C-alpha atoms as a PDB file:
ATOM      1  CA  MET A   1      14.135  -5.508  12.310  1.00  0.00           C
ATOM      2  CA  ASP A   2      17.860  -6.015  11.570  1.00  0.00           C
ATOM      3  CA  GLY A   3      18.508  -2.294  11.076  1.00  0.00           C
ATOM      4  CA  ARG A   4      15.530  -1.685   8.792  1.00  0.00           C
ATOM      5  CA  THR A   5      13.345   1.169   9.943  1.00  0.00           C
ATOM      6  CA  LEU A   6       9.637   1.596   9.344  1.00  0.00           C
ATOM      7  CA  ALA A   7      10.450   4.471   7.017  1.00  0.00           C
ATOM      8  CA  ASP A   8      12.801   2.204   5.042  1.00  0.00           C
ATOM      9  CA  THR A   9      10.300  -0.596   4.633  1.00  0.00           C
ATOM     10  CA  ARG A  10       7.444   1.709   3.666  1.00  0.00           C
ATOM     11  CA  ARG A  11       9.674   3.372   1.064  1.00  0.00           C
ATOM     12  CA  TRP A  12      10.680  -0.024  -0.351  1.00  0.00           C
ATOM     13  CA  THR A  13       7.035  -1.076  -0.380  1.00  0.00           C
ATOM     14  CA  SER A  14       6.142   1.974  -2.459  1.00  0.00           C
ATOM     15  CA  LEU A  15       9.024   1.343  -4.856  1.00  0.00           C
ATOM     16  CA  GLY A  16       8.255  -2.349  -5.268  1.00  0.00           C
ATOM     17  CA  THR A  17       4.561  -1.654  -5.799  1.00  0.00           C
ATOM     18  CA  ARG A  18       5.370   0.862  -8.507  1.00  0.00           C
ATOM     19  CA  LEU A  19       7.800  -1.523 -10.225  1.00  0.00           C
ATOM     20  CA  PHE A  20       5.324  -4.397 -10.081  1.00  0.00           C
ATOM     21  CA  LEU A  21       2.375  -2.361 -11.350  1.00  0.00           C
ATOM     22  CA  ASN A  22       4.387  -0.793 -14.155  1.00  0.00           C
ATOM     23  CA  ALA A  23       5.637  -4.203 -15.283  1.00  0.00           C
ATOM     24  CA  ALA A  24       2.185  -5.806 -15.071  1.00  0.00           C
ATOM     25  CA  THR A  25       0.466  -2.924 -16.840  1.00  0.00           C
ATOM     26  CA  GLY A  26       2.971  -3.119 -19.693  1.00  0.00           C
ATOM     27  CA  LEU A  27       2.129  -6.749 -20.489  1.00  0.00           C
ATOM     28  CA  ASP A  28      -0.556  -7.628 -23.004  1.00  0.00           C
ATOM     29  CA  GLU A  29      -3.116 -10.357 -22.305  1.00  0.00           C
ATOM     30  CA  SER A  30      -1.063 -13.088 -23.954  1.00  0.00           C
ATOM     31  CA  ALA A  31       2.163 -12.177 -22.166  1.00  0.00           C
ATOM     32  CA  PHE A  32       0.352 -11.871 -18.833  1.00  0.00           C
ATOM     33  CA  ALA A  33      -0.961 -15.418 -19.225  1.00  0.00           C
ATOM     34  CA  ALA A  34       2.458 -16.818 -20.179  1.00  0.00           C
ATOM     35  CA  PRO A  35       4.548 -18.897 -17.732  1.00  0.00           C
ATOM     36  CA  SER A  36       6.601 -17.047 -15.111  1.00  0.00           C
ATOM     37  CA  PRO A  37       9.992 -18.257 -13.839  1.00  0.00           C
ATOM     38  CA  LEU A  38       8.163 -19.743 -10.814  1.00  0.00           C
ATOM     39  CA  PRO A  39       7.339 -23.420 -11.425  1.00  0.00           C
ATOM     40  CA  GLY A  40       3.662 -23.980 -12.214  1.00  0.00           C
ATOM     41  CA  TRP A  41       2.740 -20.301 -12.142  1.00  0.00           C
ATOM     42  CA  THR A  42       1.909 -17.945 -14.973  1.00  0.00           C
ATOM     43  CA  ARG A  43       2.545 -14.229 -14.623  1.00  0.00           C
ATOM     44  CA  LYS A  44      -1.145 -13.958 -13.722  1.00  0.00           C
ATOM     45  CA  HIS A  45      -0.596 -16.335 -10.814  1.00  0.00           C
ATOM     46  CA  VAL A  46       2.218 -14.086  -9.575  1.00  0.00           C
ATOM     47  CA  ALA A  47      -0.002 -11.007  -9.891  1.00  0.00           C
ATOM     48  CA  ALA A  48      -2.954 -12.682  -8.157  1.00  0.00           C
ATOM     49  CA  HIS A  49      -0.651 -13.772  -5.326  1.00  0.00           C
ATOM     50  CA  VAL A  50       0.617 -10.202  -4.880  1.00  0.00           C
ATOM     51  CA  ALA A  51      -2.924  -8.783  -4.870  1.00  0.00           C
ATOM     52  CA  ALA A  52      -4.131 -11.382  -2.367  1.00  0.00           C
ATOM     53  CA  ASN A  53      -1.054 -10.712  -0.237  1.00  0.00           C
ATOM     54  CA  ALA A  54      -2.034  -7.050   0.066  1.00  0.00           C
ATOM     55  CA  GLU A  55      -5.457  -8.048   1.338  1.00  0.00           C
ATOM     56  CA  GLY A  56      -3.967 -10.582   3.754  1.00  0.00           C
ATOM     57  CA  LEU A  57      -1.520  -8.056   5.184  1.00  0.00           C
ATOM     58  CA  GLY A  58      -4.410  -5.614   5.431  1.00  0.00           C
ATOM     59  CA  ASN A  59      -6.053  -8.126   7.767  1.00  0.00           C
ATOM     60  CA  LEU A  60      -2.983  -7.986  10.004  1.00  0.00           C
ATOM     61  CA  LEU A  61      -3.129  -4.184  10.065  1.00  0.00           C
ATOM     62  CA  HIS A  62      -6.810  -4.405  11.041  1.00  0.00           C
ATOM     63  CA  TRP A  63      -5.699  -6.695  13.871  1.00  0.00           C
ATOM     64  CA  ALA A  64      -3.093  -4.156  14.962  1.00  0.00           C
ATOM     65  CA  ALA A  65      -5.554  -1.263  14.766  1.00  0.00           C
ATOM     66  CA  THR A  66      -8.475  -2.891  16.569  1.00  0.00           C
ATOM     67  CA  GLY A  67      -7.059  -5.716  18.662  1.00  0.00           C
ATOM     68  CA  GLU A  68      -9.453  -8.088  16.894  1.00  0.00           C
ATOM     69  CA  PRO A  69      -7.535 -11.235  15.812  1.00  0.00           C
ATOM     70  CA  THR A  70      -7.742 -11.268  12.001  1.00  0.00           C
ATOM     71  CA  PRO A  71      -5.590 -13.913  10.296  1.00  0.00           C
ATOM     72  CA  MET A  72      -4.068 -13.172   6.908  1.00  0.00           C
ATOM     73  CA  TYR A  73      -6.026 -16.030   5.340  1.00  0.00           C
ATOM     74  CA  ALA A  74      -8.898 -18.191   6.569  1.00  0.00           C
ATOM     75  CA  SER A  75      -6.922 -21.275   5.506  1.00  0.00           C
ATOM     76  CA  LEU A  76      -4.105 -22.391   3.233  1.00  0.00           C
ATOM     77  CA  GLU A  77      -6.688 -23.897   0.916  1.00  0.00           C
ATOM     78  CA  GLU A  78      -8.570 -20.612   0.631  1.00  0.00           C
ATOM     79  CA  ARG A  79      -5.332 -18.802  -0.081  1.00  0.00           C
ATOM     80  CA  LYS A  80      -4.503 -21.173  -2.930  1.00  0.00           C
ATOM     81  CA  ALA A  81      -8.047 -21.022  -4.306  1.00  0.00           C
ATOM     82  CA  GLY A  82      -7.956 -17.222  -4.335  1.00  0.00           C
ATOM     83  CA  ILE A  83      -4.761 -17.225  -6.383  1.00  0.00           C
ATOM     84  CA  GLU A  84      -6.257 -19.686  -8.867  1.00  0.00           C
ATOM     85  CA  ARG A  85      -9.391 -17.527  -9.221  1.00  0.00           C
ATOM     86  CA  GLY A  86      -7.276 -14.455  -9.806  1.00  0.00           C
ATOM     87  CA  ALA A  87      -5.109 -16.214 -12.362  1.00  0.00           C
ATOM     88  CA  VAL A  88      -8.044 -16.547 -14.779  1.00  0.00           C
ATOM     89  CA  LEU A  89      -9.072 -12.884 -14.620  1.00  0.00           C
ATOM     90  CA  GLY A  90      -8.570 -10.656 -17.639  1.00  0.00           C
ATOM     91  CA  HIS A  91      -5.653  -8.235 -17.722  1.00  0.00           C
ATOM     92  CA  THR A  92      -7.715  -5.140 -16.878  1.00  0.00           C
ATOM     93  CA  GLU A  93      -9.531  -6.763 -13.976  1.00  0.00           C
ATOM     94  CA  LEU A  94      -6.403  -8.322 -12.487  1.00  0.00           C
ATOM     95  CA  VAL A  95      -4.384  -5.097 -12.730  1.00  0.00           C
ATOM     96  CA  GLY A  96      -7.324  -3.292 -11.132  1.00  0.00           C
ATOM     97  CA  TRP A  97      -7.259  -5.755  -8.230  1.00  0.00           C
ATOM     98  CA  LEU A  98      -3.521  -5.233  -7.863  1.00  0.00           C
ATOM     99  CA  ARG A  99      -3.866  -1.465  -7.863  1.00  0.00           C
ATOM    100  CA  ASN A 100      -6.857  -1.264  -5.524  1.00  0.00           C
ATOM    101  CA  SER A 101      -5.502  -3.755  -2.989  1.00  0.00           C
ATOM    102  CA  ALA A 102      -2.160  -1.908  -2.896  1.00  0.00           C
ATOM    103  CA  MET A 103      -3.908   1.435  -2.361  1.00  0.00           C
ATOM    104  CA  GLU A 104      -6.037   0.026   0.449  1.00  0.00           C
ATOM    105  CA  LEU A 105      -2.995  -1.467   2.145  1.00  0.00           C
ATOM    106  CA  ASP A 106      -1.103   1.818   1.908  1.00  0.00           C
ATOM    107  CA  ALA A 107      -4.074   3.683   3.406  1.00  0.00           C
ATOM    108  CA  ALA A 108      -4.238   1.182   6.272  1.00  0.00           C
ATOM    109  CA  MET A 109      -0.527   1.666   6.958  1.00  0.00           C
ATOM    110  CA  SER A 110      -0.895   5.439   6.944  1.00  0.00           C
ATOM    111  CA  ALA A 111      -3.794   5.246   9.430  1.00  0.00           C
ATOM    112  CA  LEU A 112      -1.905   3.337  12.150  1.00  0.00           C
ATOM    113  CA  THR A 113      -0.731   5.239  15.208  1.00  0.00           C
ATOM    114  CA  PRO A 114       2.732   4.632  16.738  1.00  0.00           C
ATOM    115  CA  GLU A 115       1.053   2.646  19.509  1.00  0.00           C
ATOM    116  CA  GLN A 116      -0.818   0.470  17.002  1.00  0.00           C
ATOM    117  CA  TRP A 117       2.357  -0.203  15.024  1.00  0.00           C
ATOM    118  CA  ALA A 118       3.764  -1.807  18.190  1.00  0.00           C
ATOM    119  CA  HIS A 119       0.849  -4.238  18.549  1.00  0.00           C
ATOM    120  CA  GLU A 120       1.620  -7.886  17.860  1.00  0.00           C
ATOM    121  CA  VAL A 121       0.035  -9.918  15.066  1.00  0.00           C
ATOM    122  CA  VAL A 122       0.512 -13.477  13.796  1.00  0.00           C
ATOM    123  CA  THR A 123       1.740 -14.114  10.255  1.00  0.00           C
ATOM    124  CA  ALA A 124       0.497 -16.847   7.923  1.00  0.00           C
ATOM    125  CA  GLN A 125       3.602 -18.860   8.941  1.00  0.00           C
ATOM    126  CA  GLY A 126       2.588 -18.614  12.603  1.00  0.00           C
ATOM    127  CA  ARG A 127       5.215 -16.072  13.667  1.00  0.00           C
ATOM    128  CA  THR A 128       4.196 -13.496  16.284  1.00  0.00           C
ATOM    129  CA  VAL A 129       5.632 -10.142  15.211  1.00  0.00           C
ATOM    130  CA  PRO A 130       4.962  -6.436  15.801  1.00  0.00           C
ATOM    131  CA  ALA A 131       2.879  -4.751  13.115  1.00  0.00           C
ATOM    132  CA  THR A 132       6.011  -2.858  12.071  1.00  0.00           C
ATOM    133  CA  GLU A 133       7.065  -6.096  10.363  1.00  0.00           C
ATOM    134  CA  VAL A 134       4.135  -5.884   7.915  1.00  0.00           C
ATOM    135  CA  PRO A 135       5.679  -3.257   5.594  1.00  0.00           C
ATOM    136  CA  TRP A 136       8.842  -5.373   5.357  1.00  0.00           C
ATOM    137  CA  MET A 137       6.759  -8.424   4.485  1.00  0.00           C
ATOM    138  CA  ARG A 138       5.063  -6.395   1.756  1.00  0.00           C
ATOM    139  CA  ALA A 139       8.286  -4.860   0.452  1.00  0.00           C
ATOM    140  CA  ARG A 140       9.774  -8.328   0.138  1.00  0.00           C
ATOM    141  CA  GLU A 141       6.713  -9.572  -1.757  1.00  0.00           C
ATOM    142  CA  VAL A 142       6.400  -6.763  -4.274  1.00  0.00           C
ATOM    143  CA  CYS A 143      10.111  -6.323  -4.946  1.00  0.00           C
ATOM    144  CA  VAL A 144      10.991  -9.997  -5.375  1.00  0.00           C
ATOM    145  CA  HIS A 145       7.834 -10.788  -7.335  1.00  0.00           C
ATOM    146  CA  ALA A 146       8.426  -7.801  -9.607  1.00  0.00           C
ATOM    147  CA  VAL A 147      11.528  -9.725 -10.658  1.00  0.00           C
ATOM    148  CA  ASP A 148       9.460 -12.923 -10.964  1.00  0.00           C
ATOM    149  CA  LEU A 149       7.232 -11.269 -13.564  1.00  0.00           C
ATOM    150  CA  ASP A 150      10.277 -11.448 -15.867  1.00  0.00           C
ATOM    151  CA  ALA A 151       9.127  -8.261 -17.546  1.00  0.00           C
ATOM    152  CA  GLY A 152      12.123  -5.955 -17.343  1.00  0.00           C
ATOM    153  CA  VAL A 153      12.786  -5.724 -13.583  1.00  0.00           C
ATOM    154  CA  GLY A 154      15.872  -7.411 -12.113  1.00  0.00           C
ATOM    155  CA  PHE A 155      17.501  -7.548  -8.698  1.00  0.00           C
ATOM    156  CA  ALA A 156      19.974  -4.920  -9.915  1.00  0.00           C
ATOM    157  CA  ASP A 157      17.047  -2.478 -10.177  1.00  0.00           C
ATOM    158  CA  LEU A 158      16.374  -2.713  -6.435  1.00  0.00           C
ATOM    159  CA  PRO A 159      18.093  -0.502  -3.828  1.00  0.00           C
ATOM    160  CA  ALA A 160      21.272  -1.868  -2.274  1.00  0.00           C
ATOM    161  CA  ALA A 161      19.912  -1.309   1.232  1.00  0.00           C
ATOM    162  CA  PHE A 162      16.835  -3.381   0.382  1.00  0.00           C
ATOM    163  CA  LEU A 163      18.986  -6.147  -1.116  1.00  0.00           C
ATOM    164  CA  THR A 164      21.167  -6.231   2.006  1.00  0.00           C
ATOM    165  CA  ALA A 165      18.070  -6.509   4.218  1.00  0.00           C
ATOM    166  CA  LEU A 166      16.687  -9.213   1.932  1.00  0.00           C
ATOM    167  CA  CYS A 167      19.915 -11.208   2.165  1.00  0.00           C
ATOM    168  CA  GLU A 168      19.896 -10.877   5.959  1.00  0.00           C
ATOM    169  CA  ASP A 169      16.296 -12.096   6.047  1.00  0.00           C
ATOM    170  CA  ALA A 170      16.848 -15.011   3.664  1.00  0.00           C
ATOM    171  CA  ALA A 171      20.120 -16.071   5.296  1.00  0.00           C
ATOM    172  CA  GLY A 172      18.507 -15.956   8.733  1.00  0.00           C
ATOM    173  CA  LYS A 173      15.709 -18.264   7.621  1.00  0.00           C
ATOM    174  CA  ARG A 174      18.140 -20.632   5.906  1.00  0.00           C
ATOM    175  CA  ARG A 175      20.280 -20.969   9.023  1.00  0.00           C
ATOM    176  CA  THR A 176      17.353 -22.649  10.777  1.00  0.00           C
ATOM    177  CA  ARG A 177      17.060 -25.396   8.140  1.00  0.00           C
ATOM    178  CA  PRO A 178      19.282 -28.183   6.798  1.00  0.00           C
ATOM    179  CA  GLY A 179      21.365 -27.329   3.756  1.00  0.00           C
ATOM    180  CA  PRO A 180      24.880 -27.025   2.373  1.00  0.00           C
ATOM    181  CA  TRP A 181      27.599 -24.997   4.091  1.00  0.00           C
ATOM    182  CA  VAL A 182      28.055 -21.777   2.121  1.00  0.00           C
ATOM    183  CA  VAL A 183      30.014 -18.595   2.779  1.00  0.00           C
ATOM    184  CA  LEU A 184      28.816 -15.729   0.579  1.00  0.00           C
ATOM    185  CA  THR A 185      30.586 -12.416   0.000  1.00  0.00           C
ATOM    186  CA  ALA A 186      29.042  -9.514  -1.894  1.00  0.00           C
ATOM    187  CA  THR A 187      31.929  -8.078  -3.912  1.00  0.00           C
ATOM    188  CA  ASP A 188      30.320  -4.650  -4.373  1.00  0.00           C
ATOM    189  CA  SER A 189      29.245  -4.051  -0.761  1.00  0.00           C
ATOM    190  CA  GLY A 190      31.639  -6.200   1.270  1.00  0.00           C
ATOM    191  CA  ASP A 191      28.756  -7.853   3.139  1.00  0.00           C
ATOM    192  CA  ARG A 192      29.222 -11.478   4.133  1.00  0.00           C
ATOM    193  CA  TRP A 193      26.759 -14.218   5.032  1.00  0.00           C
ATOM    194  CA  GLU A 194      27.527 -17.719   6.259  1.00  0.00           C
ATOM    195  CA  LEU A 195      25.049 -20.581   6.053  1.00  0.00           C
ATOM    196  CA  PRO A 196      26.348 -23.367   8.307  1.00  0.00           C
ATOM    197  CA  GLY A 197      25.508 -26.798   6.954  1.00  0.00           C
ATOM    198  CA  ASP A 198      26.678 -30.061   5.540  1.00  0.00           C
ATOM    199  CA  GLY A 199      30.023 -30.791   3.898  1.00  0.00           C
ATOM    200  CA  ALA A 200      33.013 -28.561   3.378  1.00  0.00           C
ATOM    201  CA  PRO A 201      32.239 -24.831   3.082  1.00  0.00           C
ATOM    202  CA  ALA A 202      31.739 -23.416  -0.416  1.00  0.00           C
ATOM    203  CA  HIS A 203      33.154 -19.891  -0.623  1.00  0.00           C
ATOM    204  CA  VAL A 204      31.230 -17.847  -3.177  1.00  0.00           C
ATOM    205  CA  SER A 205      31.781 -14.221  -4.194  1.00  0.00           C
ATOM    206  CA  ALA A 206      29.375 -12.257  -6.390  1.00  0.00           C
ATOM    207  CA  ARG A 207      27.671  -8.896  -6.746  1.00  0.00           C
ATOM    208  CA  LEU A 208      24.979  -8.104  -4.186  1.00  0.00           C
ATOM    209  CA  PRO A 209      22.048  -8.486  -6.645  1.00  0.00           C
ATOM    210  CA  ASP A 210      23.285 -11.959  -7.588  1.00  0.00           C
ATOM    211  CA  VAL A 211      23.734 -12.961  -3.949  1.00  0.00           C
ATOM    212  CA  ALA A 212      20.153 -11.823  -3.253  1.00  0.00           C
ATOM    213  CA  ALA A 213      18.891 -13.812  -6.230  1.00  0.00           C
ATOM    214  CA  TYR A 214      20.787 -16.905  -5.028  1.00  0.00           C
ATOM    215  CA  LEU A 215      19.596 -16.667  -1.424  1.00  0.00           C
ATOM    216  CA  THR A 216      15.970 -16.259  -2.507  1.00  0.00           C
ATOM    217  CA  GLY A 217      16.146 -19.216  -4.866  1.00  0.00           C
ATOM    218  CA  ARG A 218      16.024 -17.165  -8.061  1.00  0.00           C
ATOM    219  CA  ALA A 219      18.304 -17.788 -11.009  1.00  0.00           C
ATOM    220  CA  ALA A 220      21.780 -16.414 -10.446  1.00  0.00           C
ATOM    221  CA  ALA A 221      25.056 -17.368 -12.067  1.00  0.00           C
ATOM    222  CA  LEU A 222      27.222 -18.066  -9.028  1.00  0.00           C
ATOM    223  CA  PRO A 223      30.116 -20.370  -9.986  1.00  0.00           C
ATOM    224  CA  GLY A 224      30.777 -22.966  -7.343  1.00  0.00           C
ATOM    225  CA  ALA A 225      27.619 -22.280  -5.384  1.00  0.00           C
ATOM    226  CA  PRO A 226      25.680 -25.389  -4.287  1.00  0.00           C
ATOM    227  CA  THR A 227      21.956 -25.712  -4.838  1.00  0.00           C
ATOM    228  CA  LEU A 228      19.932 -24.444  -1.868  1.00  0.00           C
ATOM    229  CA  PRO A 229      16.628 -25.839  -0.607  1.00  0.00           C
ATOM    230  CA  ASP A 230      13.471 -23.723  -0.787  1.00  0.00           C
ATOM    231  CA  TRP A 231      13.659 -20.312   0.873  1.00  0.00           C
ATOM    232  CA  LEU A 232      10.067 -19.921   2.132  1.00  0.00           C
END
């Protein structure tokens, strides 16, 4: 888990959930239906994705608790269709789905025993991981997508320890794929990440929140930084 503990990831999940719900609740119907920074998605699409993600991760916790294989989603098509259905819900109904799915996921996490947390499950990307990875997957979703709502939450509002873990996660995934050669240094934490790749190395220094935004493909003003391919 790259230094992240279960206590860390559950705490970040709670924080990100609170930030996301507060931002979503504060939007009126018109603003909720407006485009998000994510191409092709409104803010409602982002919210529906986060709600469906809670239910999908709940399936993995059911798998860990019972030993019964329960995929996150029946299929990629069903996952996409669920987001589209959620994106046309009214504000009250969609926020209710967000809130209820988050509460159910938290209850499922709280019910797992130490032995069950160690059980392996398979993510939607086909990775076999211990159930302890689920809270990190959720923390990443709610924290990053709280920023994607573009409703007052930025990467600078997230804990430095979370941002460091996020950069480690994103950099690790990027190292397995083709891309430009980049050496990143966080000026406020001293952390450093290298993405081996094509061409001469681009050395980029920026604050940790901006490095996290860059590595996750979100807008970040990083002079001299090359464009990266998709993160996930």
